[in-house]
N, C-alpha and C. Protein backbone atom coordinates (compact mmCIF):
# COMPACT_ATOMS: atom_id res chain seq x y z
N MET A 1 0.83 -1.19 0.00
CA MET A 1 0.00 0.00 0.00
C MET A 1 0.87 1.25 0.00
N GLY A 2 0.50 2.19 -0.83
CA GLY A 2 1.24 3.44 -0.86
C GLY A 2 0.28 4.61 -0.86
N PHE A 3 0.79 5.74 -0.44
CA PHE A 3 -0.01 6.96 -0.42
C PHE A 3 0.11 7.67 -1.76
N GLN A 4 -0.96 8.25 -2.21
CA GLN A 4 -0.94 9.00 -3.45
C GLN A 4 -0.29 10.36 -3.20
N VAL A 5 0.47 10.82 -4.17
CA VAL A 5 1.16 12.11 -4.06
C VAL A 5 0.15 13.22 -3.75
N THR A 6 -0.98 13.21 -4.44
CA THR A 6 -1.98 14.26 -4.22
C THR A 6 -2.54 14.22 -2.81
N GLU A 7 -2.68 13.02 -2.25
CA GLU A 7 -3.16 12.86 -0.87
C GLU A 7 -2.18 13.51 0.11
N VAL A 8 -0.89 13.26 -0.09
CA VAL A 8 0.14 13.82 0.79
C VAL A 8 0.16 15.34 0.63
N GLN A 9 0.13 15.81 -0.60
CA GLN A 9 0.16 17.25 -0.84
C GLN A 9 -1.03 17.95 -0.19
N LYS A 10 -2.19 17.33 -0.26
CA LYS A 10 -3.40 17.93 0.30
C LYS A 10 -3.28 18.13 1.81
N VAL A 11 -2.81 17.12 2.53
CA VAL A 11 -2.76 17.23 4.00
C VAL A 11 -1.58 18.05 4.49
N LEU A 12 -0.60 18.29 3.62
CA LEU A 12 0.54 19.14 4.01
C LEU A 12 0.41 20.57 3.50
N LYS A 13 -0.65 20.85 2.76
CA LYS A 13 -0.85 22.20 2.22
C LYS A 13 -0.85 23.22 3.36
N GLY A 14 -0.09 24.28 3.17
CA GLY A 14 -0.03 25.34 4.17
C GLY A 14 0.98 25.12 5.27
N PHE A 15 1.71 24.00 5.24
CA PHE A 15 2.71 23.74 6.26
C PHE A 15 3.85 24.75 6.13
N ASP A 16 4.32 25.26 7.24
CA ASP A 16 5.37 26.27 7.26
C ASP A 16 6.74 25.60 7.45
N TYR A 17 7.41 25.33 6.34
CA TYR A 17 8.73 24.68 6.36
C TYR A 17 9.78 25.66 6.85
N PRO A 18 10.89 25.19 7.41
CA PRO A 18 11.26 23.79 7.64
C PRO A 18 10.49 23.20 8.81
N GLY A 19 10.50 21.86 8.85
CA GLY A 19 9.80 21.18 9.93
C GLY A 19 10.31 19.77 10.15
N ALA A 20 10.14 19.32 11.37
CA ALA A 20 10.53 17.97 11.78
C ALA A 20 9.39 16.99 11.44
N PRO A 21 9.70 15.71 11.38
CA PRO A 21 8.67 14.72 11.11
C PRO A 21 7.45 14.84 12.04
N GLU A 22 7.67 15.09 13.31
CA GLU A 22 6.55 15.23 14.25
C GLU A 22 5.67 16.43 13.87
N ASP A 23 6.29 17.53 13.44
CA ASP A 23 5.53 18.70 13.02
C ASP A 23 4.70 18.40 11.77
N LEU A 24 5.30 17.69 10.84
CA LEU A 24 4.58 17.30 9.62
C LEU A 24 3.39 16.41 9.97
N ALA A 25 3.62 15.44 10.84
CA ALA A 25 2.57 14.50 11.24
C ALA A 25 1.42 15.24 11.92
N ARG A 26 1.74 16.16 12.80
CA ARG A 26 0.70 16.92 13.51
C ARG A 26 -0.13 17.75 12.52
N HIS A 27 0.54 18.44 11.61
CA HIS A 27 -0.15 19.25 10.61
C HIS A 27 -1.06 18.36 9.75
N ALA A 28 -0.52 17.24 9.30
CA ALA A 28 -1.29 16.33 8.45
C ALA A 28 -2.52 15.81 9.19
N GLU A 29 -2.34 15.45 10.44
CA GLU A 29 -3.45 14.94 11.24
C GLU A 29 -4.55 15.99 11.39
N GLU A 30 -4.14 17.23 11.61
CA GLU A 30 -5.10 18.34 11.74
C GLU A 30 -5.82 18.63 10.43
N HIS A 31 -5.27 18.17 9.32
CA HIS A 31 -5.86 18.42 8.01
C HIS A 31 -6.45 17.16 7.38
N GLY A 32 -6.81 16.19 8.23
CA GLY A 32 -7.58 15.04 7.77
C GLY A 32 -6.81 13.84 7.26
N ALA A 33 -5.52 13.77 7.51
CA ALA A 33 -4.74 12.61 7.05
C ALA A 33 -5.15 11.34 7.80
N SER A 34 -5.02 10.23 7.12
CA SER A 34 -5.28 8.94 7.75
C SER A 34 -4.22 8.66 8.81
N LYS A 35 -4.55 7.78 9.75
CA LYS A 35 -3.59 7.40 10.78
C LYS A 35 -2.33 6.81 10.16
N ASP A 36 -2.49 6.04 9.09
CA ASP A 36 -1.32 5.43 8.43
C ASP A 36 -0.38 6.49 7.85
N LEU A 37 -0.95 7.52 7.25
CA LEU A 37 -0.12 8.58 6.68
C LEU A 37 0.54 9.38 7.79
N VAL A 38 -0.19 9.69 8.84
CA VAL A 38 0.38 10.41 9.99
C VAL A 38 1.56 9.62 10.55
N ASP A 39 1.39 8.32 10.72
CA ASP A 39 2.47 7.47 11.24
C ASP A 39 3.67 7.45 10.29
N ALA A 40 3.40 7.38 8.99
CA ALA A 40 4.49 7.36 8.01
C ALA A 40 5.29 8.66 8.08
N LEU A 41 4.61 9.78 8.19
CA LEU A 41 5.31 11.07 8.29
C LEU A 41 6.11 11.15 9.59
N ARG A 42 5.50 10.72 10.66
CA ARG A 42 6.15 10.77 11.98
C ARG A 42 7.43 9.94 12.00
N ASN A 43 7.46 8.88 11.22
CA ASN A 43 8.59 7.95 11.24
C ASN A 43 9.60 8.16 10.12
N LEU A 44 9.50 9.28 9.42
CA LEU A 44 10.48 9.54 8.37
C LEU A 44 11.88 9.67 8.96
N PRO A 45 12.88 9.11 8.26
CA PRO A 45 14.24 9.04 8.81
C PRO A 45 15.10 10.29 8.60
N LYS A 46 14.54 11.44 8.89
CA LYS A 46 15.27 12.70 8.77
C LYS A 46 14.88 13.60 9.92
N ASP A 47 15.77 14.49 10.33
CA ASP A 47 15.47 15.39 11.44
C ASP A 47 14.61 16.57 11.02
N SER A 48 14.78 17.02 9.76
CA SER A 48 14.08 18.22 9.32
C SER A 48 13.90 18.18 7.80
N PHE A 49 12.83 18.81 7.35
CA PHE A 49 12.54 18.90 5.93
C PHE A 49 12.40 20.35 5.54
N ASP A 50 13.05 20.74 4.44
CA ASP A 50 13.04 22.15 4.04
C ASP A 50 11.94 22.49 3.04
N GLY A 51 11.18 21.49 2.59
CA GLY A 51 10.10 21.75 1.67
C GLY A 51 9.38 20.47 1.28
N PRO A 52 8.29 20.61 0.54
CA PRO A 52 7.51 19.43 0.16
C PRO A 52 8.26 18.43 -0.70
N ASN A 53 9.18 18.90 -1.54
CA ASN A 53 9.94 17.96 -2.37
C ASN A 53 10.79 17.03 -1.50
N ALA A 54 11.34 17.57 -0.42
CA ALA A 54 12.15 16.74 0.49
C ALA A 54 11.28 15.69 1.18
N VAL A 55 10.06 16.06 1.52
CA VAL A 55 9.13 15.11 2.16
C VAL A 55 8.79 14.00 1.17
N MET A 56 8.45 14.38 -0.06
CA MET A 56 8.09 13.38 -1.07
C MET A 56 9.26 12.45 -1.37
N HIS A 57 10.45 13.02 -1.44
CA HIS A 57 11.64 12.21 -1.70
C HIS A 57 11.83 11.19 -0.58
N SER A 58 11.68 11.63 0.65
CA SER A 58 11.87 10.74 1.79
C SER A 58 10.79 9.65 1.82
N LEU A 59 9.54 10.02 1.54
CA LEU A 59 8.47 9.02 1.48
C LEU A 59 8.74 8.00 0.37
N SER A 60 9.26 8.48 -0.74
CA SER A 60 9.61 7.59 -1.84
C SER A 60 10.71 6.62 -1.44
N GLU A 61 11.71 7.12 -0.73
CA GLU A 61 12.83 6.27 -0.30
C GLU A 61 12.39 5.15 0.64
N VAL A 62 11.35 5.38 1.42
CA VAL A 62 10.87 4.33 2.33
C VAL A 62 9.68 3.57 1.71
N ASN A 63 9.52 3.71 0.39
CA ASN A 63 8.47 3.01 -0.37
C ASN A 63 7.07 3.25 0.17
N ALA A 64 6.79 4.50 0.56
CA ALA A 64 5.49 4.82 1.12
C ALA A 64 4.56 5.49 0.10
N LEU A 65 5.06 5.72 -1.11
CA LEU A 65 4.21 6.34 -2.13
C LEU A 65 3.69 5.28 -3.09
N GLY A 66 2.42 5.44 -3.49
CA GLY A 66 1.82 4.51 -4.43
C GLY A 66 2.24 4.82 -5.84
N GLY A 67 2.17 3.84 -6.69
CA GLY A 67 2.61 4.02 -8.05
C GLY A 67 1.54 4.40 -9.04
N SER A 68 0.28 4.13 -8.70
CA SER A 68 -0.78 4.43 -9.65
C SER A 68 -1.86 5.26 -8.98
N THR A 69 -2.65 5.91 -9.81
CA THR A 69 -3.75 6.72 -9.28
C THR A 69 -5.01 5.88 -9.19
N ARG A 70 -5.93 6.33 -8.36
CA ARG A 70 -7.17 5.57 -8.17
C ARG A 70 -8.26 6.06 -9.07
């Protein structure tokens, strides 16, 4: 199972970078993210992210992004 890029972008919209995984997870949770996505963000293996591209890259590296659209 992977998360769709648009799903991740939607729940992180308006996030004020830079931010730590916990900050990303909290923002996503407040914006309707699923528990699985919140957990994935919280467990990203980096201390800080400087923008959405860095988040997407990290999610991709841990195979958390889906390959096809629904």
